[in-house]
Amino acid sequence: MNAINKSLDTTLWHEVCQMDDLIDDVGVCVLVDDVQIALFRVSGNDEIYAINNFDPFSNANVLSRGICGDLKGQVVIASPIYKQHFNLKTGQCLEDETVILPTYSVRIVDASVQLANN
């Protein structure tokens, strides 16, 4: 008898919105377990990005109101207050390499946008 090792997916996914709720290049803020998360659907890109909404330079939850774009080949969000750029894939601040924001895994299931509990 052969034993088959199966890896169980223990990730908890939170449904946060529908794809139709997202507009290209316009952020949306969602609340998951008391954490504000900024979601972005960037034009010309099939991915949905999720990054912490908290801007550590201004100490305000504002990144969902920032400007999406491409800077030096990186998909970024520019903070609306002091204009620091954060890589939407990694959370890395381009102007200060010591600052990295949490990012979140996103999946789409039947047009439903879901975030992982990471």
PDB file of N, CA and C in Angstrom:
ATOM      1  N   MET A   1       0.834  -1.162   0.000  1.00  0.00           N
ATOM      2  CA  MET A   1       0.000   0.000   0.000  1.00  0.00           C
ATOM      3  C   MET A   1       0.891   1.241   0.000  1.00  0.00           C
ATOM      4  N   ASN A   2       0.640   2.126  -0.936  1.00  0.00           N
ATOM      5  CA  ASN A   2       1.436   3.347  -1.036  1.00  0.00           C
ATOM      6  C   ASN A   2       0.778   4.475  -0.252  1.00  0.00           C
ATOM      7  N   ALA A   3       1.567   5.155   0.521  1.00  0.00           N
ATOM      8  CA  ALA A   3       1.051   6.314   1.260  1.00  0.00           C
ATOM      9  C   ALA A   3       1.238   7.553   0.402  1.00  0.00           C
ATOM     10  N   ILE A   4       0.229   8.338   0.326  1.00  0.00           N
ATOM     11  CA  ILE A   4       0.292   9.587  -0.429  1.00  0.00           C
ATOM     12  C   ILE A   4       0.277  10.731   0.568  1.00  0.00           C
ATOM     13  N   ASN A   5       1.321  11.553   0.506  1.00  0.00           N
ATOM     14  CA  ASN A   5       1.382  12.718   1.382  1.00  0.00           C
ATOM     15  C   ASN A   5       0.620  13.858   0.737  1.00  0.00           C
ATOM     16  N   LYS A   6      -0.345  14.357   1.437  1.00  0.00           N
ATOM     17  CA  LYS A   6      -1.117  15.493   0.939  1.00  0.00           C
ATOM     18  C   LYS A   6      -0.886  16.669   1.865  1.00  0.00           C
ATOM     19  N   SER A   7      -0.595  17.771   1.272  1.00  0.00           N
ATOM     20  CA  SER A   7      -0.428  18.990   2.038  1.00  0.00           C
ATOM     21  C   SER A   7      -1.787  19.674   2.131  1.00  0.00           C
ATOM     22  N   LEU A   8      -2.251  19.891   3.326  1.00  0.00           N
ATOM     23  CA  LEU A   8      -3.540  20.559   3.521  1.00  0.00           C
ATOM     24  C   LEU A   8      -3.335  22.063   3.526  1.00  0.00           C
ATOM     25  N   ASP A   9      -4.206  22.750   2.805  1.00  0.00           N
ATOM     26  CA  ASP A   9      -4.151  24.212   2.787  1.00  0.00           C
ATOM     27  C   ASP A   9      -4.866  24.721   4.028  1.00  0.00           C
ATOM     28  N   THR A  10      -4.096  25.234   4.981  1.00  0.00           N
ATOM     29  CA  THR A  10      -4.686  25.731   6.221  1.00  0.00           C
ATOM     30  C   THR A  10      -4.843  27.247   6.207  1.00  0.00           C
ATOM     31  N   THR A  11      -4.623  27.849   5.052  1.00  0.00           N
ATOM     32  CA  THR A  11      -4.758  29.291   4.926  1.00  0.00           C
ATOM     33  C   THR A  11      -6.225  29.676   5.056  1.00  0.00           C
ATOM     34  N   LEU A  12      -6.488  30.685   5.855  1.00  0.00           N
ATOM     35  CA  LEU A  12      -7.834  31.215   5.985  1.00  0.00           C
ATOM     36  C   LEU A  12      -7.985  32.378   5.018  1.00  0.00           C
ATOM     37  N   TRP A  13      -8.960  32.280   4.133  1.00  0.00           N
ATOM     38  CA  TRP A  13      -9.198  33.318   3.136  1.00  0.00           C
ATOM     39  C   TRP A  13     -10.406  34.146   3.532  1.00  0.00           C
ATOM     40  N   HIS A  14     -10.289  35.467   3.371  1.00  0.00           N
ATOM     41  CA  HIS A  14     -11.366  36.404   3.698  1.00  0.00           C
ATOM     42  C   HIS A  14     -11.900  37.013   2.401  1.00  0.00           C
ATOM     43  N   GLU A  15     -13.179  36.862   2.161  1.00  0.00           N
ATOM     44  CA  GLU A  15     -13.784  37.520   1.009  1.00  0.00           C
ATOM     45  C   GLU A  15     -13.960  38.992   1.361  1.00  0.00           C
ATOM     46  N   VAL A  16     -13.385  39.877   0.515  1.00  0.00           N
ATOM     47  CA  VAL A  16     -13.407  41.301   0.856  1.00  0.00           C
ATOM     48  C   VAL A  16     -14.220  42.158  -0.115  1.00  0.00           C
ATOM     49  N   CYS A  17     -14.370  41.709  -1.361  1.00  0.00           N
ATOM     50  CA  CYS A  17     -15.154  42.458  -2.334  1.00  0.00           C
ATOM     51  C   CYS A  17     -15.303  41.629  -3.602  1.00  0.00           C
ATOM     52  N   GLN A  18     -15.961  42.186  -4.580  1.00  0.00           N
ATOM     53  CA  GLN A  18     -16.101  41.558  -5.889  1.00  0.00           C
ATOM     54  C   GLN A  18     -15.163  42.274  -6.862  1.00  0.00           C
ATOM     55  N   MET A  19     -14.755  41.579  -7.906  1.00  0.00           N
ATOM     56  CA  MET A  19     -13.886  42.196  -8.921  1.00  0.00           C
ATOM     57  C   MET A  19     -14.508  43.470  -9.483  1.00  0.00           C
ATOM     58  N   ASP A  20     -15.823  43.474  -9.652  1.00  0.00           N
ATOM     59  CA  ASP A  20     -16.508  44.652 -10.186  1.00  0.00           C
ATOM     60  C   ASP A  20     -16.415  45.864  -9.269  1.00  0.00           C
ATOM     61  N   ASP A  21     -16.080  45.640  -8.000  1.00  0.00           N
ATOM     62  CA  ASP A  21     -15.930  46.748  -7.052  1.00  0.00           C
ATOM     63  C   ASP A  21     -14.612  47.493  -7.239  1.00  0.00           C
ATOM     64  N   LEU A  22     -13.677  46.892  -7.970  1.00  0.00           N
ATOM     65  CA  LEU A  22     -12.353  47.489  -8.148  1.00  0.00           C
ATOM     66  C   LEU A  22     -12.263  48.188  -9.497  1.00  0.00           C
ATOM     67  N   ILE A  23     -11.781  49.404  -9.472  1.00  0.00           N
ATOM     68  CA  ILE A  23     -11.583  50.208 -10.676  1.00  0.00           C
ATOM     69  C   ILE A  23     -10.081  50.297 -10.924  1.00  0.00           C
ATOM     70  N   ASP A  24      -9.674  50.161 -12.172  1.00  0.00           N
ATOM     71  CA  ASP A  24      -8.253  50.236 -12.496  1.00  0.00           C
ATOM     72  C   ASP A  24      -7.619  51.505 -11.934  1.00  0.00           C
ATOM     73  N   ASP A  25      -6.494  51.317 -11.261  1.00  0.00           N
ATOM     74  CA  ASP A  25      -5.653  52.403 -10.751  1.00  0.00           C
ATOM     75  C   ASP A  25      -6.288  53.249  -9.648  1.00  0.00           C
ATOM     76  N   VAL A  26      -7.337  52.718  -9.022  1.00  0.00           N
ATOM     77  CA  VAL A  26      -7.981  53.403  -7.900  1.00  0.00           C
ATOM     78  C   VAL A  26      -7.999  52.439  -6.716  1.00  0.00           C
ATOM     79  N   GLY A  27      -7.442  52.859  -5.604  1.00  0.00           N
ATOM     80  CA  GLY A  27      -7.374  51.999  -4.431  1.00  0.00           C
ATOM     81  C   GLY A  27      -8.690  51.904  -3.686  1.00  0.00           C
ATOM     82  N   VAL A  28      -8.820  50.782  -2.975  1.00  0.00           N
ATOM     83  CA  VAL A  28      -9.967  50.534  -2.103  1.00  0.00           C
ATOM     84  C   VAL A  28      -9.409  50.046  -0.776  1.00  0.00           C
ATOM     85  N   CYS A  29      -9.951  50.533   0.306  1.00  0.00           N
ATOM     86  CA  CYS A  29      -9.512  50.084   1.626  1.00  0.00           C
ATOM     87  C   CYS A  29     -10.522  49.075   2.164  1.00  0.00           C
ATOM     88  N   VAL A  30     -10.005  47.944   2.670  1.00  0.00           N
ATOM     89  CA  VAL A  30     -10.855  46.933   3.302  1.00  0.00           C
ATOM     90  C   VAL A  30     -10.325  46.679   4.708  1.00  0.00           C
ATOM     91  N   LEU A  31     -11.200  46.219   5.568  1.00  0.00           N
ATOM     92  CA  LEU A  31     -10.829  45.936   6.951  1.00  0.00           C
ATOM     93  C   LEU A  31     -10.902  44.427   7.172  1.00  0.00           C
ATOM     94  N   VAL A  32      -9.754  43.835   7.538  1.00  0.00           N
ATOM     95  CA  VAL A  32      -9.686  42.399   7.813  1.00  0.00           C
ATOM     96  C   VAL A  32      -9.036  42.222   9.176  1.00  0.00           C
ATOM     97  N   ASP A  33      -9.783  41.633  10.095  1.00  0.00           N
ATOM     98  CA  ASP A  33      -9.271  41.416  11.458  1.00  0.00           C
ATOM     99  C   ASP A  33      -8.680  42.691  12.055  1.00  0.00           C
ATOM    100  N   ASP A  34      -9.393  43.789  11.927  1.00  0.00           N
ATOM    101  CA  ASP A  34      -8.999  45.093  12.473  1.00  0.00           C
ATOM    102  C   ASP A  34      -7.751  45.693  11.820  1.00  0.00           C
ATOM    103  N   VAL A  35      -7.369  45.201  10.650  1.00  0.00           N
ATOM    104  CA  VAL A  35      -6.236  45.747   9.907  1.00  0.00           C
ATOM    105  C   VAL A  35      -6.761  46.358   8.614  1.00  0.00           C
ATOM    106  N   GLN A  36      -6.377  47.618   8.361  1.00  0.00           N
ATOM    107  CA  GLN A  36      -6.757  48.259   7.106  1.00  0.00           C
ATOM    108  C   GLN A  36      -5.792  47.821   6.013  1.00  0.00           C
ATOM    109  N   ILE A  37      -6.368  47.319   4.915  1.00  0.00           N
ATOM    110  CA  ILE A  37      -5.575  46.832   3.790  1.00  0.00           C
ATOM    111  C   ILE A  37      -6.021  47.563   2.533  1.00  0.00           C
ATOM    112  N   ALA A  38      -5.050  48.070   1.775  1.00  0.00           N
ATOM    113  CA  ALA A  38      -5.332  48.766   0.525  1.00  0.00           C
ATOM    114  C   ALA A  38      -5.245  47.776  -0.633  1.00  0.00           C
ATOM    115  N   LEU A  39      -6.294  47.740  -1.458  1.00  0.00           N
ATOM    116  CA  LEU A  39      -6.341  46.873  -2.638  1.00  0.00           C
ATOM    117  C   LEU A  39      -6.195  47.705  -3.891  1.00  0.00           C
ATOM    118  N   PHE A  40      -5.476  47.164  -4.873  1.00  0.00           N
ATOM    119  CA  PHE A  40      -5.278  47.871  -6.132  1.00  0.00           C
ATOM    120  C   PHE A  40      -5.409  46.914  -7.307  1.00  0.00           C
ATOM    121  N   ARG A  41      -6.143  47.364  -8.294  1.00  0.00           N
ATOM    122  CA  ARG A  41      -6.228  46.684  -9.590  1.00  0.00           C
ATOM    123  C   ARG A  41      -5.550  47.632 -10.577  1.00  0.00           C
ATOM    124  N   VAL A  42      -4.343  47.290 -10.970  1.00  0.00           N
ATOM    125  CA  VAL A  42      -3.527  48.182 -11.794  1.00  0.00           C
ATOM    126  C   VAL A  42      -3.809  47.911 -13.271  1.00  0.00           C
ATOM    127  N   SER A  43      -4.065  48.980 -14.039  1.00  0.00           N
ATOM    128  CA  SER A  43      -4.367  48.810 -15.458  1.00  0.00           C
ATOM    129  C   SER A  43      -3.189  48.166 -16.182  1.00  0.00           C
ATOM    130  N   GLY A  44      -3.497  47.319 -17.153  1.00  0.00           N
ATOM    131  CA  GLY A  44      -2.470  46.630 -17.913  1.00  0.00           C
ATOM    132  C   GLY A  44      -1.837  45.474 -17.170  1.00  0.00           C
ATOM    133  N   ASN A  45      -2.417  45.098 -16.031  1.00  0.00           N
ATOM    134  CA  ASN A  45      -1.868  44.048 -15.190  1.00  0.00           C
ATOM    135  C   ASN A  45      -3.034  43.219 -14.662  1.00  0.00           C
ATOM    136  N   ASP A  46      -2.951  41.911 -14.720  1.00  0.00           N
ATOM    137  CA  ASP A  46      -4.048  41.045 -14.289  1.00  0.00           C
ATOM    138  C   ASP A  46      -4.068  40.784 -12.792  1.00  0.00           C
ATOM    139  N   GLU A  47      -3.045  41.252 -12.088  1.00  0.00           N
ATOM    140  CA  GLU A  47      -2.965  40.975 -10.653  1.00  0.00           C
ATOM    141  C   GLU A  47      -3.735  41.998  -9.827  1.00  0.00           C
ATOM    142  N   ILE A  48      -4.206  41.535  -8.672  1.00  0.00           N
ATOM    143  CA  ILE A  48      -4.753  42.422  -7.648  1.00  0.00           C
ATOM    144  C   ILE A  48      -3.701  42.461  -6.543  1.00  0.00           C
ATOM    145  N   TYR A  49      -3.357  43.657  -6.101  1.00  0.00           N
ATOM    146  CA  TYR A  49      -2.326  43.826  -5.079  1.00  0.00           C
ATOM    147  C   TYR A  49      -2.982  44.238  -3.765  1.00  0.00           C
ATOM    148  N   ALA A  50      -2.414  43.740  -2.669  1.00  0.00           N
ATOM    149  CA  ALA A  50      -2.902  44.095  -1.340  1.00  0.00           C
ATOM    150  C   ALA A  50      -1.704  44.447  -0.463  1.00  0.00           C
ATOM    151  N   ILE A  51      -1.764  45.631   0.122  1.00  0.00           N
ATOM    152  CA  ILE A  51      -0.675  46.132   0.960  1.00  0.00           C
ATOM    153  C   ILE A  51      -1.297  46.846   2.158  1.00  0.00           C
ATOM    154  N   ASN A  52      -0.584  46.859   3.263  1.00  0.00           N
ATOM    155  CA  ASN A  52      -1.094  47.557   4.445  1.00  0.00           C
ATOM    156  C   ASN A  52      -1.396  49.012   4.087  1.00  0.00           C
ATOM    157  N   ASN A  53      -2.502  49.518   4.574  1.00  0.00           N
ATOM    158  CA  ASN A  53      -2.948  50.878   4.245  1.00  0.00           C
ATOM    159  C   ASN A  53      -2.206  51.956   5.039  1.00  0.00           C
ATOM    160  N   PHE A  54      -1.425  51.558   6.039  1.00  0.00           N
ATOM    161  CA  PHE A  54      -0.762  52.507   6.936  1.00  0.00           C
ATOM    162  C   PHE A  54       0.525  53.054   6.329  1.00  0.00           C
ATOM    163  N   ASP A  55       0.595  54.366   6.205  1.00  0.00           N
ATOM    164  CA  ASP A  55       1.797  55.055   5.719  1.00  0.00           C
ATOM    165  C   ASP A  55       2.656  55.398   6.941  1.00  0.00           C
ATOM    166  N   PRO A  56       3.795  54.733   7.115  1.00  0.00           N
ATOM    167  CA  PRO A  56       4.608  54.970   8.306  1.00  0.00           C
ATOM    168  C   PRO A  56       5.279  56.343   8.338  1.00  0.00           C
ATOM    169  N   PHE A  57       5.334  57.037   7.233  1.00  0.00           N
ATOM    170  CA  PHE A  57       5.970  58.359   7.200  1.00  0.00           C
ATOM    171  C   PHE A  57       5.022  59.453   7.692  1.00  0.00           C
ATOM    172  N   SER A  58       3.720  59.287   7.435  1.00  0.00           N
ATOM    173  CA  SER A  58       2.746  60.280   7.885  1.00  0.00           C
ATOM    174  C   SER A  58       1.929  59.787   9.078  1.00  0.00           C
ATOM    175  N   ASN A  59       2.121  58.511   9.447  1.00  0.00           N
ATOM    176  CA  ASN A  59       1.350  57.884  10.530  1.00  0.00           C
ATOM    177  C   ASN A  59      -0.163  57.965  10.283  1.00  0.00           C
ATOM    178  N   ALA A  60      -0.554  57.744   9.034  1.00  0.00           N
ATOM    179  CA  ALA A  60      -1.974  57.793   8.676  1.00  0.00           C
ATOM    180  C   ALA A  60      -2.310  56.625   7.750  1.00  0.00           C
ATOM    181  N   ASN A  61      -3.538  56.161   7.840  1.00  0.00           N
ATOM    182  CA  ASN A  61      -4.028  55.097   6.960  1.00  0.00           C
ATOM    183  C   ASN A  61      -4.538  55.730   5.671  1.00  0.00           C
ATOM    184  N   VAL A  62      -3.631  55.896   4.699  1.00  0.00           N
ATOM    185  CA  VAL A  62      -3.973  56.660   3.492  1.00  0.00           C
ATOM    186  C   VAL A  62      -3.506  56.032   2.178  1.00  0.00           C
ATOM    187  N   LEU A  63      -2.788  54.931   2.219  1.00  0.00           N
ATOM    188  CA  LEU A  63      -2.198  54.427   0.975  1.00  0.00           C
ATOM    189  C   LEU A  63      -3.241  54.048  -0.076  1.00  0.00           C
ATOM    190  N   SER A  64      -4.445  53.684   0.343  1.00  0.00           N
ATOM    191  CA  SER A  64      -5.492  53.353  -0.637  1.00  0.00           C
ATOM    192  C   SER A  64      -5.866  54.568  -1.483  1.00  0.00           C
ATOM    193  N   ARG A  65      -5.498  55.757  -1.040  1.00  0.00           N
ATOM    194  CA  ARG A  65      -5.782  56.988  -1.786  1.00  0.00           C
ATOM    195  C   ARG A  65      -4.576  57.474  -2.595  1.00  0.00           C
ATOM    196  N   GLY A  66      -3.544  56.657  -2.632  1.00  0.00           N
ATOM    197  CA  GLY A  66      -2.333  57.021  -3.352  1.00  0.00           C
ATOM    198  C   GLY A  66      -2.465  56.823  -4.851  1.00  0.00           C
ATOM    199  N   ILE A  67      -1.388  57.136  -5.552  1.00  0.00           N
ATOM    200  CA  ILE A  67      -1.364  57.049  -7.012  1.00  0.00           C
ATOM    201  C   ILE A  67      -0.587  55.798  -7.428  1.00  0.00           C
ATOM    202  N   CYS A  68      -1.249  54.955  -8.229  1.00  0.00           N
ATOM    203  CA  CYS A  68      -0.616  53.737  -8.757  1.00  0.00           C
ATOM    204  C   CYS A  68       0.227  54.078  -9.964  1.00  0.00           C
ATOM    205  N   GLY A  69       1.276  53.302 -10.148  1.00  0.00           N
ATOM    206  CA  GLY A  69       2.069  53.508 -11.346  1.00  0.00           C
ATOM    207  C   GLY A  69       3.226  52.546 -11.439  1.00  0.00           C
ATOM    208  N   ASP A  70       4.099  52.839 -12.361  1.00  0.00           N
ATOM    209  CA  ASP A  70       5.289  52.051 -12.606  1.00  0.00           C
ATOM    210  C   ASP A  70       6.477  52.983 -12.406  1.00  0.00           C
ATOM    211  N   LEU A  71       7.388  52.588 -11.556  1.00  0.00           N
ATOM    212  CA  LEU A  71       8.582  53.389 -11.308  1.00  0.00           C
ATOM    213  C   LEU A  71       9.793  52.471 -11.432  1.00  0.00           C
ATOM    214  N   LYS A  72      10.602  52.735 -12.438  1.00  0.00           N
ATOM    215  CA  LYS A  72      11.808  51.936 -12.679  1.00  0.00           C
ATOM    216  C   LYS A  72      11.475  50.455 -12.809  1.00  0.00           C
ATOM    217  N   GLY A  73      10.363  50.158 -13.494  1.00  0.00           N
ATOM    218  CA  GLY A  73       9.970  48.772 -13.730  1.00  0.00           C
ATOM    219  C   GLY A  73       9.266  48.094 -12.575  1.00  0.00           C
ATOM    220  N   GLN A  74       8.968  48.829 -11.522  1.00  0.00           N
ATOM    221  CA  GLN A  74       8.269  48.268 -10.363  1.00  0.00           C
ATOM    222  C   GLN A  74       6.862  48.838 -10.280  1.00  0.00           C
ATOM    223  N   VAL A  75       5.892  47.972  -9.967  1.00  0.00           N
ATOM    224  CA  VAL A  75       4.521  48.430  -9.765  1.00  0.00           C
ATOM    225  C   VAL A  75       4.461  49.014  -8.358  1.00  0.00           C
ATOM    226  N   VAL A  76       4.094  50.297  -8.254  1.00  0.00           N
ATOM    227  CA  VAL A  76       4.163  50.992  -6.964  1.00  0.00           C
ATOM    228  C   VAL A  76       2.882  51.756  -6.666  1.00  0.00           C
ATOM    229  N   ILE A  77       2.771  52.109  -5.390  1.00  0.00           N
ATOM    230  CA  ILE A  77       1.773  53.066  -4.926  1.00  0.00           C
ATOM    231  C   ILE A  77       2.559  54.217  -4.309  1.00  0.00           C
ATOM    232  N   ALA A  78       2.193  55.436  -4.673  1.00  0.00           N
ATOM    233  CA  ALA A  78       2.834  56.621  -4.092  1.00  0.00           C
ATOM    234  C   ALA A  78       1.922  57.149  -2.995  1.00  0.00           C
ATOM    235  N   SER A  79       2.470  57.337  -1.829  1.00  0.00           N
ATOM    236  CA  SER A  79       1.682  57.867  -0.718  1.00  0.00           C
ATOM    237  C   SER A  79       1.136  59.245  -1.085  1.00  0.00           C
ATOM    238  N   PRO A  80      -0.131  59.519  -0.761  1.00  0.00           N
ATOM    239  CA  PRO A  80      -0.700  60.823  -1.095  1.00  0.00           C
ATOM    240  C   PRO A  80      -0.180  61.961  -0.217  1.00  0.00           C
ATOM    241  N   ILE A  81       0.537  61.645   0.846  1.00  0.00           N
ATOM    242  CA  ILE A  81       0.981  62.707   1.750  1.00  0.00           C
ATOM    243  C   ILE A  81       2.407  63.158   1.438  1.00  0.00           C
ATOM    244  N   TYR A  82       3.390  62.289   1.656  1.00  0.00           N
ATOM    245  CA  TYR A  82       4.783  62.692   1.430  1.00  0.00           C
ATOM    246  C   TYR A  82       5.389  62.076   0.180  1.00  0.00           C
ATOM    247  N   LYS A  83       4.592  61.322  -0.568  1.00  0.00           N
ATOM    248  CA  LYS A  83       4.952  60.793  -1.892  1.00  0.00           C
ATOM    249  C   LYS A  83       5.980  59.670  -1.914  1.00  0.00           C
ATOM    250  N   GLN A  84       6.244  59.006  -0.781  1.00  0.00           N
ATOM    251  CA  GLN A  84       7.117  57.836  -0.837  1.00  0.00           C
ATOM    252  C   GLN A  84       6.437  56.772  -1.692  1.00  0.00           C
ATOM    253  N   HIS A  85       7.255  55.977  -2.387  1.00  0.00           N
ATOM    254  CA  HIS A  85       6.755  54.921  -3.255  1.00  0.00           C
ATOM    255  C   HIS A  85       6.968  53.564  -2.589  1.00  0.00           C
ATOM    256  N   PHE A  86       5.925  52.728  -2.643  1.00  0.00           N
ATOM    257  CA  PHE A  86       6.004  51.383  -2.079  1.00  0.00           C
ATOM    258  C   PHE A  86       5.737  50.377  -3.184  1.00  0.00           C
ATOM    259  N   ASN A  87       6.622  49.378  -3.297  1.00  0.00           N
ATOM    260  CA  ASN A  87       6.443  48.311  -4.262  1.00  0.00           C
ATOM    261  C   ASN A  87       5.221  47.502  -3.837  1.00  0.00           C
ATOM    262  N   LEU A  88       4.245  47.360  -4.734  1.00  0.00           N
ATOM    263  CA  LEU A  88       3.011  46.666  -4.374  1.00  0.00           C
ATOM    264  C   LEU A  88       3.197  45.161  -4.221  1.00  0.00           C
ATOM    265  N   LYS A  89       4.240  44.598  -4.795  1.00  0.00           N
ATOM    266  CA  LYS A  89       4.488  43.156  -4.651  1.00  0.00           C
ATOM    267  C   LYS A  89       5.205  42.827  -3.350  1.00  0.00           C
ATOM    268  N   THR A  90       6.158  43.678  -2.969  1.00  0.00           N
ATOM    269  CA  THR A  90       7.023  43.359  -1.825  1.00  0.00           C
ATOM    270  C   THR A  90       6.780  44.233  -0.597  1.00  0.00           C
ATOM    271  N   GLY A  91       6.157  45.400  -0.768  1.00  0.00           N
ATOM    272  CA  GLY A  91       5.971  46.341   0.327  1.00  0.00           C
ATOM    273  C   GLY A  91       7.168  47.237   0.576  1.00  0.00           C
ATOM    274  N   GLN A  92       8.264  47.015  -0.144  1.00  0.00           N
ATOM    275  CA  GLN A  92       9.501  47.774   0.039  1.00  0.00           C
ATOM    276  C   GLN A  92       9.319  49.240  -0.359  1.00  0.00           C
ATOM    277  N   CYS A  93       9.763  50.149   0.498  1.00  0.00           N
ATOM    278  CA  CYS A  93       9.766  51.569   0.182  1.00  0.00           C
ATOM    279  C   CYS A  93      10.967  51.846  -0.709  1.00  0.00           C
ATOM    280  N   LEU A  94      10.758  52.507  -1.829  1.00  0.00           N
ATOM    281  CA  LEU A  94      11.846  52.767  -2.763  1.00  0.00           C
ATOM    282  C   LEU A  94      12.790  53.862  -2.275  1.00  0.00           C
ATOM    283  N   GLU A  95      12.293  54.774  -1.468  1.00  0.00           N
ATOM    284  CA  GLU A  95      13.123  55.872  -0.976  1.00  0.00           C
ATOM    285  C   GLU A  95      13.862  55.547   0.323  1.00  0.00           C
ATOM    286  N   ASP A  96      13.393  54.544   1.066  1.00  0.00           N
ATOM    287  CA  ASP A  96      14.021  54.172   2.333  1.00  0.00           C
ATOM    288  C   ASP A  96      13.986  52.658   2.464  1.00  0.00           C
ATOM    289  N   GLU A  97      15.082  52.002   2.146  1.00  0.00           N
ATOM    290  CA  GLU A  97      15.125  50.538   2.104  1.00  0.00           C
ATOM    291  C   GLU A  97      14.898  49.872   3.459  1.00  0.00           C
ATOM    292  N   THR A  98      14.912  50.640   4.545  1.00  0.00           N
ATOM    293  CA  THR A  98      14.663  50.056   5.870  1.00  0.00           C
ATOM    294  C   THR A  98      13.177  49.899   6.151  1.00  0.00           C
ATOM    295  N   VAL A  99      12.326  50.463   5.289  1.00  0.00           N
ATOM    296  CA  VAL A  99      10.878  50.407   5.518  1.00  0.00           C
ATOM    297  C   VAL A  99      10.239  49.418   4.539  1.00  0.00           C
ATOM    298  N   ILE A 100       9.579  48.416   5.101  1.00  0.00           N
ATOM    299  CA  ILE A 100       8.859  47.428   4.304  1.00  0.00           C
ATOM    300  C   ILE A 100       7.479  47.238   4.918  1.00  0.00           C
ATOM    301  N   LEU A 101       6.442  47.448   4.121  1.00  0.00           N
ATOM    302  CA  LEU A 101       5.073  47.268   4.590  1.00  0.00           C
ATOM    303  C   LEU A 101       4.612  45.833   4.346  1.00  0.00           C
ATOM    304  N   PRO A 102       3.716  45.339   5.191  1.00  0.00           N
ATOM    305  CA  PRO A 102       3.166  44.012   4.944  1.00  0.00           C
ATOM    306  C   PRO A 102       2.345  43.990   3.651  1.00  0.00           C
ATOM    307  N   THR A 103       2.490  42.916   2.891  1.00  0.00           N
ATOM    308  CA  THR A 103       1.653  42.676   1.718  1.00  0.00           C
ATOM    309  C   THR A 103       0.867  41.396   1.981  1.00  0.00           C
ATOM    310  N   TYR A 104      -0.185  41.191   1.214  1.00  0.00           N
ATOM    311  CA  TYR A 104      -1.086  40.076   1.461  1.00  0.00           C
ATOM    312  C   TYR A 104      -1.353  39.311   0.176  1.00  0.00           C
ATOM    313  N   SER A 105      -1.460  38.002   0.306  1.00  0.00           N
ATOM    314  CA  SER A 105      -1.795  37.162  -0.840  1.00  0.00           C
ATOM    315  C   SER A 105      -3.246  37.384  -1.220  1.00  0.00           C
ATOM    316  N   VAL A 106      -3.481  37.425  -2.538  1.00  0.00           N
ATOM    317  CA  VAL A 106      -4.822  37.666  -3.065  1.00  0.00           C
ATOM    318  C   VAL A 106      -5.172  36.545  -4.028  1.00  0.00           C
ATOM    319  N   ARG A 107      -6.413  36.115  -3.994  1.00  0.00           N
ATOM    320  CA  ARG A 107      -6.899  35.183  -5.006  1.00  0.00           C
ATOM    321  C   ARG A 107      -8.299  35.609  -5.421  1.00  0.00           C
ATOM    322  N   ILE A 108      -8.665  35.182  -6.620  1.00  0.00           N
ATOM    323  CA  ILE A 108      -9.989  35.464  -7.153  1.00  0.00           C
ATOM    324  C   ILE A 108     -10.718  34.134  -7.291  1.00  0.00           C
ATOM    325  N   VAL A 109     -11.895  34.025  -6.694  1.00  0.00           N
ATOM    326  CA  VAL A 109     -12.719  32.827  -6.789  1.00  0.00           C
ATOM    327  C   VAL A 109     -14.113  33.269  -7.223  1.00  0.00           C
ATOM    328  N   ASP A 110     -14.500  32.877  -8.428  1.00  0.00           N
ATOM    329  CA  ASP A 110     -15.819  33.237  -8.961  1.00  0.00           C
ATOM    330  C   ASP A 110     -16.083  34.736  -8.851  1.00  0.00           C
ATOM    331  N   ALA A 111     -15.140  35.543  -9.257  1.00  0.00           N
ATOM    332  CA  ALA A 111     -15.210  37.013  -9.263  1.00  0.00           C
ATOM    333  C   ALA A 111     -15.174  37.624  -7.857  1.00  0.00           C
ATOM    334  N   SER A 112     -14.928  36.796  -6.858  1.00  0.00           N
ATOM    335  CA  SER A 112     -14.802  37.273  -5.483  1.00  0.00           C
ATOM    336  C   SER A 112     -13.324  37.465  -5.148  1.00  0.00           C
ATOM    337  N   VAL A 113     -12.982  38.634  -4.628  1.00  0.00           N
ATOM    338  CA  VAL A 113     -11.598  38.920  -4.232  1.00  0.00           C
ATOM    339  C   VAL A 113     -11.425  38.453  -2.790  1.00  0.00           C
ATOM    340  N   GLN A 114     -10.407  37.606  -2.573  1.00  0.00           N
ATOM    341  CA  GLN A 114     -10.157  37.054  -1.250  1.00  0.00           C
ATOM    342  C   GLN A 114      -8.722  37.326  -0.831  1.00  0.00           C
ATOM    343  N   LEU A 115      -8.550  37.644   0.452  1.00  0.00           N
ATOM    344  CA  LEU A 115      -7.221  37.889   1.030  1.00  0.00           C
ATOM    345  C   LEU A 115      -6.873  36.778   2.008  1.00  0.00           C
ATOM    346  N   ALA A 116      -5.593  36.401   2.010  1.00  0.00           N
ATOM    347  CA  ALA A 116      -5.106  35.374   2.931  1.00  0.00           C
ATOM    348  C   ALA A 116      -4.853  35.966   4.301  1.00  0.00           C
ATOM    349  N   ASN A 117      -4.871  35.115   5.283  1.00  0.00           N
ATOM    350  CA  ASN A 117      -4.646  35.553   6.671  1.00  0.00           C
ATOM    351  C   ASN A 117      -3.170  35.658   7.015  1.00  0.00           C
ATOM    352  N   ASN A 118      -2.315  35.884   6.010  1.00  0.00           N
ATOM    353  CA  ASN A 118      -0.878  35.985   6.300  1.00  0.00           C
ATOM    354  C   ASN A 118      -0.586  37.314   6.907  1.00  0.00           C
TER     355      ASN A 118
END
